[in-house]
């Protein structure tokens, strides 16, 4: 009886270990995807900065045109 309980417990522990190993094996994939996301976010930030600079240039140019027209 006791041996059966011990066997059952060991089987459950073995199943838990197998499940943990399966989850741990997913970590490199998750890390890779997070790295890709970080790279994409950095590219988006750079593009946003460039667009902001372009908008500021356009606004400055339009302001100059208006001041020339109003003179």
PDB file of N, CA and C in Angstrom:
ATOM      1  N   UNK A   1       0.828  -1.199   0.000  1.00  0.00           N
ATOM      2  CA  UNK A   1       0.000   0.000   0.000  1.00  0.00           C
ATOM      3  C   UNK A   1       0.868   1.257   0.000  1.00  0.00           C
ATOM      4  N   UNK A   2       1.826   1.292   0.918  1.00  0.00           N
ATOM      5  CA  UNK A   2       2.702   2.451   1.008  1.00  0.00           C
ATOM      6  C   UNK A   2       3.531   2.579  -0.261  1.00  0.00           C
ATOM      7  N   UNK A   3       3.991   1.436  -0.771  1.00  0.00           N
ATOM      8  CA  UNK A   3       4.787   1.470  -1.997  1.00  0.00           C
ATOM      9  C   UNK A   3       3.966   1.994  -3.170  1.00  0.00           C
ATOM     10  N   UNK A   4       2.702   1.662  -3.220  1.00  0.00           N
ATOM     11  CA  UNK A   4       1.828   2.143  -4.288  1.00  0.00           C
ATOM     12  C   UNK A   4       1.680   3.655  -4.209  1.00  0.00           C
ATOM     13  N   UNK A   5       1.496   4.174  -2.995  1.00  0.00           N
ATOM     14  CA  UNK A   5       1.383   5.625  -2.815  1.00  0.00           C
ATOM     15  C   UNK A   5       2.674   6.326  -3.225  1.00  0.00           C
ATOM     16  N   UNK A   6       3.797   5.725  -2.847  1.00  0.00           N
ATOM     17  CA  UNK A   6       5.090   6.316  -3.207  1.00  0.00           C
ATOM     18  C   UNK A   6       5.257   6.308  -4.723  1.00  0.00           C
ATOM     19  N   UNK A   7       4.893   5.193  -5.357  1.00  0.00           N
ATOM     20  CA  UNK A   7       4.986   5.097  -6.819  1.00  0.00           C
ATOM     21  C   UNK A   7       4.122   6.162  -7.490  1.00  0.00           C
ATOM     22  N   UNK A   8       2.890   6.309  -7.008  1.00  0.00           N
ATOM     23  CA  UNK A   8       1.976   7.298  -7.585  1.00  0.00           C
ATOM     24  C   UNK A   8       2.530   8.709  -7.431  1.00  0.00           C
ATOM     25  N   UNK A   9       3.080   8.985  -6.257  1.00  0.00           N
ATOM     26  CA  UNK A   9       3.667  10.313  -6.019  1.00  0.00           C
ATOM     27  C   UNK A   9       4.845  10.555  -6.946  1.00  0.00           C
ATOM     28  N   UNK A  10       5.687   9.546  -7.089  1.00  0.00           N
ATOM     29  CA  UNK A  10       6.844   9.674  -7.973  1.00  0.00           C
ATOM     30  C   UNK A  10       6.403   9.898  -9.423  1.00  0.00           C
ATOM     31  N   UNK A  11       5.342   9.225  -9.833  1.00  0.00           N
ATOM     32  CA  UNK A  11       4.814   9.421 -11.184  1.00  0.00           C
ATOM     33  C   UNK A  11       4.316  10.853 -11.364  1.00  0.00           C
ATOM     34  N   UNK A  12       3.602  11.360 -10.353  1.00  0.00           N
ATOM     35  CA  UNK A  12       3.117  12.741 -10.425  1.00  0.00           C
ATOM     36  C   UNK A  12       4.280  13.728 -10.485  1.00  0.00           C
ATOM     37  N   UNK A  13       5.291  13.478  -9.669  1.00  0.00           N
ATOM     38  CA  UNK A  13       6.470  14.349  -9.674  1.00  0.00           C
ATOM     39  C   UNK A  13       7.152  14.274 -11.040  1.00  0.00           C
ATOM     40  N   UNK A  14       7.244  13.074 -11.596  1.00  0.00           N
ATOM     41  CA  UNK A  14       7.829  12.902 -12.933  1.00  0.00           C
ATOM     42  C   UNK A  14       7.054  13.674 -13.985  1.00  0.00           C
ATOM     43  N   UNK A  15       5.725  13.646 -13.899  1.00  0.00           N
ATOM     44  CA  UNK A  15       4.888  14.391 -14.843  1.00  0.00           C
ATOM     45  C   UNK A  15       5.096  15.896 -14.688  1.00  0.00           C
ATOM     46  N   UNK A  16       5.204  16.348 -13.441  1.00  0.00           N
ATOM     47  CA  UNK A  16       5.443  17.776 -13.201  1.00  0.00           C
ATOM     48  C   UNK A  16       6.792  18.203 -13.763  1.00  0.00           C
ATOM     49  N   UNK A  17       7.795  17.362 -13.570  1.00  0.00           N
ATOM     50  CA  UNK A  17       9.126  17.672 -14.099  1.00  0.00           C
ATOM     51  C   UNK A  17       9.088  17.730 -15.622  1.00  0.00           C
ATOM     52  N   UNK A  18       8.387  16.801 -16.245  1.00  0.00           N
ATOM     53  CA  UNK A  18       8.258  16.798 -17.700  1.00  0.00           C
ATOM     54  C   UNK A  18       7.569  18.073 -18.179  1.00  0.00           C
ATOM     55  N   UNK A  19       6.514  18.471 -17.486  1.00  0.00           N
ATOM     56  CA  UNK A  19       5.800  19.702 -17.860  1.00  0.00           C
ATOM     57  C   UNK A  19       6.706  20.918 -17.699  1.00  0.00           C
ATOM     58  N   UNK A  20       7.493  20.953 -16.623  1.00  0.00           N
ATOM     59  CA  UNK A  20       8.416  22.074 -16.407  1.00  0.00           C
ATOM     60  C   UNK A  20       9.482  22.124 -17.500  1.00  0.00           C
ATOM     61  N   UNK A  21      10.012  20.961 -17.867  1.00  0.00           N
ATOM     62  CA  UNK A  21      11.017  20.910 -18.934  1.00  0.00           C
ATOM     63  C   UNK A  21      10.436  21.435 -20.245  1.00  0.00           C
ATOM     64  N   UNK A  22       9.187  21.077 -20.504  1.00  0.00           N
ATOM     65  CA  UNK A  22       8.526  21.537 -21.729  1.00  0.00           C
ATOM     66  C   UNK A  22       8.407  23.060 -21.725  1.00  0.00           C
ATOM     67  N   UNK A  23       8.006  23.628 -20.595  1.00  0.00           N
ATOM     68  CA  UNK A  23       7.878  25.083 -20.483  1.00  0.00           C
ATOM     69  C   UNK A  23       9.238  25.765 -20.611  1.00  0.00           C
ATOM     70  N   UNK A  24      10.250  25.193 -19.977  1.00  0.00           N
ATOM     71  CA  UNK A  24      11.593  25.774 -20.038  1.00  0.00           C
ATOM     72  C   UNK A  24      12.125  25.738 -21.465  1.00  0.00           C
ATOM     73  N   UNK A  25      11.777  24.705 -22.218  1.00  0.00           N
ATOM     74  CA  UNK A  25      12.263  24.604 -23.600  1.00  0.00           C
ATOM     75  C   UNK A  25      11.701  25.722 -24.482  1.00  0.00           C
ATOM     76  N   UNK A  26      10.614  26.338 -24.058  1.00  0.00           N
ATOM     77  CA  UNK A  26      10.016  27.440 -24.825  1.00  0.00           C
ATOM     78  C   UNK A  26      10.749  28.763 -24.605  1.00  0.00           C
ATOM     79  N   UNK A  27      11.556  28.856 -23.575  1.00  0.00           N
ATOM     80  CA  UNK A  27      12.212  30.117 -23.215  1.00  0.00           C
ATOM     81  C   UNK A  27      13.048  30.731 -24.337  1.00  0.00           C
ATOM     82  N   UNK A  28      13.899  29.972 -25.041  1.00  0.00           N
ATOM     83  CA  UNK A  28      14.689  30.595 -26.109  1.00  0.00           C
ATOM     84  C   UNK A  28      13.818  31.240 -27.190  1.00  0.00           C
ATOM     85  N   UNK A  29      12.700  30.608 -27.495  1.00  0.00           N
ATOM     86  CA  UNK A  29      11.797  31.164 -28.507  1.00  0.00           C
ATOM     87  C   UNK A  29      11.205  32.473 -28.006  1.00  0.00           C
ATOM     88  N   UNK A  30      10.790  32.491 -26.754  1.00  0.00           N
ATOM     89  CA  UNK A  30      10.217  33.704 -26.161  1.00  0.00           C
ATOM     90  C   UNK A  30      11.261  34.817 -26.139  1.00  0.00           C
ATOM     91  N   UNK A  31      12.486  34.482 -25.739  1.00  0.00           N
ATOM     92  CA  UNK A  31      13.559  35.478 -25.700  1.00  0.00           C
ATOM     93  C   UNK A  31      13.832  36.039 -27.090  1.00  0.00           C
ATOM     94  N   UNK A  32      13.840  35.173 -28.084  1.00  0.00           N
ATOM     95  CA  UNK A  32      14.080  35.612 -29.463  1.00  0.00           C
ATOM     96  C   UNK A  32      12.980  36.560 -29.931  1.00  0.00           C
ATOM     97  N   UNK A  33      11.742  36.211 -29.623  1.00  0.00           N
ATOM     98  CA  UNK A  33      10.626  37.062 -30.034  1.00  0.00           C
ATOM     99  C   UNK A  33      10.670  38.406 -29.311  1.00  0.00           C
ATOM    100  N   UNK A  34      11.029  38.397 -28.035  1.00  0.00           N
ATOM    101  CA  UNK A  34      11.150  39.651 -27.290  1.00  0.00           C
ATOM    102  C   UNK A  34      12.252  40.522 -27.880  1.00  0.00           C
ATOM    103  N   UNK A  35      13.333  39.888 -28.292  1.00  0.00           N
ATOM    104  CA  UNK A  35      14.429  40.628 -28.921  1.00  0.00           C
ATOM    105  C   UNK A  35      13.956  41.265 -30.228  1.00  0.00           C
ATOM    106  N   UNK A  36      13.207  40.510 -31.024  1.00  0.00           N
ATOM    107  CA  UNK A  36      12.663  41.049 -32.279  1.00  0.00           C
ATOM    108  C   UNK A  36      11.727  42.222 -32.008  1.00  0.00           C
ATOM    109  N   UNK A  37      10.893  42.091 -30.999  1.00  0.00           N
ATOM    110  CA  UNK A  37       9.960  43.167 -30.647  1.00  0.00           C
ATOM    111  C   UNK A  37      10.729  44.409 -30.228  1.00  0.00           C
ATOM    112  N   UNK A  38      11.775  44.231 -29.441  1.00  0.00           N
ATOM    113  CA  UNK A  38      12.586  45.373 -28.998  1.00  0.00           C
ATOM    114  C   UNK A  38      13.233  46.071 -30.194  1.00  0.00           C
ATOM    115  N   UNK A  39      13.734  45.299 -31.145  1.00  0.00           N
ATOM    116  CA  UNK A  39      14.338  45.886 -32.352  1.00  0.00           C
ATOM    117  C   UNK A  39      13.296  46.665 -33.147  1.00  0.00           C
ATOM    118  N   UNK A  40      12.111  46.079 -33.301  1.00  0.00           N
ATOM    119  CA  UNK A  40      11.049  46.755 -34.045  1.00  0.00           C
ATOM    120  C   UNK A  40      10.623  48.049 -33.357  1.00  0.00           C
ATOM    121  N   UNK A  41      10.542  48.021 -32.034  1.00  0.00           N
ATOM    122  CA  UNK A  41      10.183  49.234 -31.293  1.00  0.00           C
ATOM    123  C   UNK A  41      11.231  50.326 -31.487  1.00  0.00           C
ATOM    124  N   UNK A  42      12.493  49.944 -31.506  1.00  0.00           N
ATOM    125  CA  UNK A  42      13.562  50.922 -31.719  1.00  0.00           C
ATOM    126  C   UNK A  42      13.464  51.523 -33.122  1.00  0.00           C
ATOM    127  N   UNK A  43      13.192  50.685 -34.122  1.00  0.00           N
ATOM    128  CA  UNK A  43      13.018  51.195 -35.487  1.00  0.00           C
ATOM    129  C   UNK A  43      11.829  52.154 -35.567  1.00  0.00           C
ATOM    130  N   UNK A  44      10.749  51.802 -34.900  1.00  0.00           N
ATOM    131  CA  UNK A  44       9.571  52.671 -34.897  1.00  0.00           C
ATOM    132  C   UNK A  44       9.875  54.002 -34.219  1.00  0.00           C
ATOM    133  N   UNK A  45      10.661  53.957 -33.138  1.00  0.00           N
ATOM    134  CA  UNK A  45      11.038  55.191 -32.443  1.00  0.00           C
ATOM    135  C   UNK A  45      11.866  56.086 -33.360  1.00  0.00           C
ATOM    136  N   UNK A  46      12.815  55.495 -34.074  1.00  0.00           N
ATOM    137  CA  UNK A  46      13.646  56.276 -34.994  1.00  0.00           C
ATOM    138  C   UNK A  46      12.808  56.879 -36.122  1.00  0.00           C
ATOM    139  N   UNK A  47      11.887  56.092 -36.666  1.00  0.00           N
ATOM    140  CA  UNK A  47      11.010  56.601 -37.721  1.00  0.00           C
ATOM    141  C   UNK A  47      10.144  57.739 -37.198  1.00  0.00           C
ATOM    142  N   UNK A  48       9.651  57.592 -35.992  1.00  0.00           N
ATOM    143  CA  UNK A  48       8.820  58.628 -35.391  1.00  0.00           C
ATOM    144  C   UNK A  48       9.612  59.923 -35.220  1.00  0.00           C
ATOM    145  N   UNK A  49      10.863  59.802 -34.782  1.00  0.00           N
ATOM    146  CA  UNK A  49      11.703  60.995 -34.631  1.00  0.00           C
ATOM    147  C   UNK A  49      11.930  61.679 -35.976  1.00  0.00           C
ATOM    148  N   UNK A  50      12.189  60.886 -37.012  1.00  0.00           N
ATOM    149  CA  UNK A  50      12.398  61.456 -38.350  1.00  0.00           C
ATOM    150  C   UNK A  50      11.135  62.163 -38.835  1.00  0.00           C
ATOM    151  N   UNK A  51       9.981  61.538 -38.616  1.00  0.00           N
ATOM    152  CA  UNK A  51       8.720  62.152 -39.029  1.00  0.00           C
ATOM    153  C   UNK A  51       8.473  63.445 -38.263  1.00  0.00           C
ATOM    154  N   UNK A  52       8.801  63.449 -36.990  1.00  0.00           N
ATOM    155  CA  UNK A  52       8.618  64.653 -36.185  1.00  0.00           C
ATOM    156  C   UNK A  52       9.519  65.774 -36.706  1.00  0.00           C
ATOM    157  N   UNK A  53      10.760  65.446 -37.031  1.00  0.00           N
ATOM    158  CA  UNK A  53      11.677  66.452 -37.576  1.00  0.00           C
ATOM    159  C   UNK A  53      11.153  66.994 -38.901  1.00  0.00           C
ATOM    160  N   UNK A  54      10.630  66.108 -39.745  1.00  0.00           N
ATOM    161  CA  UNK A  54      10.088  66.529 -41.036  1.00  0.00           C
ATOM    162  C   UNK A  54       8.892  67.458 -40.831  1.00  0.00           C
ATOM    163  N   UNK A  55       8.016  67.120 -39.908  1.00  0.00           N
ATOM    164  CA  UNK A  55       6.857  67.970 -39.633  1.00  0.00           C
ATOM    165  C   UNK A  55       7.287  69.347 -39.126  1.00  0.00           C
ATOM    166  N   UNK A  56       8.291  69.371 -38.259  1.00  0.00           N
ATOM    167  CA  UNK A  56       8.783  70.655 -37.752  1.00  0.00           C
ATOM    168  C   UNK A  56       9.368  71.497 -38.882  1.00  0.00           C
ATOM    169  N   UNK A  57      10.104  70.853 -39.791  1.00  0.00           N
ATOM    170  CA  UNK A  57      10.648  71.578 -40.943  1.00  0.00           C
ATOM    171  C   UNK A  57       9.526  72.141 -41.817  1.00  0.00           C
ATOM    172  N   UNK A  58       8.510  71.320 -42.052  1.00  0.00           N
ATOM    173  CA  UNK A  58       7.382  71.769 -42.874  1.00  0.00           C
ATOM    174  C   UNK A  58       6.649  72.927 -42.204  1.00  0.00           C
ATOM    175  N   UNK A  59       6.447  72.831 -40.891  1.00  0.00           N
ATOM    176  CA  UNK A  59       5.753  73.901 -40.177  1.00  0.00           C
ATOM    177  C   UNK A  59       6.570  75.190 -40.218  1.00  0.00           C
ATOM    178  N   UNK A  60       7.888  75.065 -40.063  1.00  0.00           N
ATOM    179  CA  UNK A  60       8.751  76.243 -40.142  1.00  0.00           C
ATOM    180  C   UNK A  60       8.713  76.861 -41.520  1.00  0.00           C
ATOM    181  N   UNK A  61       8.736  76.029 -42.528  1.00  0.00           N
ATOM    182  CA  UNK A  61       8.678  76.505 -43.908  1.00  0.00           C
ATOM    183  C   UNK A  61       7.350  77.206 -44.189  1.00  0.00           C
ATOM    184  N   UNK A  62       6.249  76.626 -43.700  1.00  0.00           N
ATOM    185  CA  UNK A  62       4.935  77.243 -43.905  1.00  0.00           C
ATOM    186  C   UNK A  62       4.844  78.576 -43.162  1.00  0.00           C
ATOM    187  N   UNK A  63       5.422  78.648 -41.983  1.00  0.00           N
ATOM    188  CA  UNK A  63       5.403  79.897 -41.214  1.00  0.00           C
ATOM    189  C   UNK A  63       6.181  80.978 -41.959  1.00  0.00           C
ATOM    190  N   UNK A  64       7.307  80.613 -42.557  1.00  0.00           N
ATOM    191  CA  UNK A  64       8.091  81.580 -43.332  1.00  0.00           C
ATOM    192  C   UNK A  64       7.296  82.068 -44.538  1.00  0.00           C
ATOM    193  N   UNK A  65       6.632  81.142 -45.227  1.00  0.00           N
ATOM    194  CA  UNK A  65       5.823  81.516 -46.392  1.00  0.00           C
ATOM    195  C   UNK A  65       4.716  82.488 -45.988  1.00  0.00           C
ATOM    196  N   UNK A  66       4.069  82.223 -44.883  1.00  0.00           N
ATOM    197  CA  UNK A  66       2.990  83.104 -44.424  1.00  0.00           C
ATOM    198  C   UNK A  66       3.526  84.494 -44.083  1.00  0.00           C
ATOM    199  N   UNK A  67       4.695  84.528 -43.464  1.00  0.00           N
ATOM    200  CA  UNK A  67       5.239  85.840 -43.100  1.00  0.00           C
ATOM    201  C   UNK A  67       5.646  86.617 -44.349  1.00  0.00           C
ATOM    202  N   UNK A  68       6.130  85.919 -45.379  1.00  0.00           N
ATOM    203  CA  UNK A  68       6.497  86.587 -46.634  1.00  0.00           C
ATOM    204  C   UNK A  68       5.237  87.088 -47.334  1.00  0.00           C
ATOM    205  N   UNK A  69       4.187  86.278 -47.338  1.00  0.00           N
ATOM    206  CA  UNK A  69       2.933  86.655 -47.995  1.00  0.00           C
ATOM    207  C   UNK A  69       2.287  87.835 -47.278  1.00  0.00           C
ATOM    208  N   UNK A  70       2.337  87.853 -45.965  1.00  0.00           N
ATOM    209  CA  UNK A  70       1.675  88.920 -45.215  1.00  0.00           C
ATOM    210  C   UNK A  70       2.422  90.246 -45.314  1.00  0.00           C
ATOM    211  N   UNK A  71       3.660  90.239 -45.767  1.00  0.00           N
ATOM    212  CA  UNK A  71       4.418  91.493 -45.884  1.00  0.00           C
ATOM    213  C   UNK A  71       4.033  92.221 -47.093  1.00  0.00           C
TER     214      UNK A  71
END
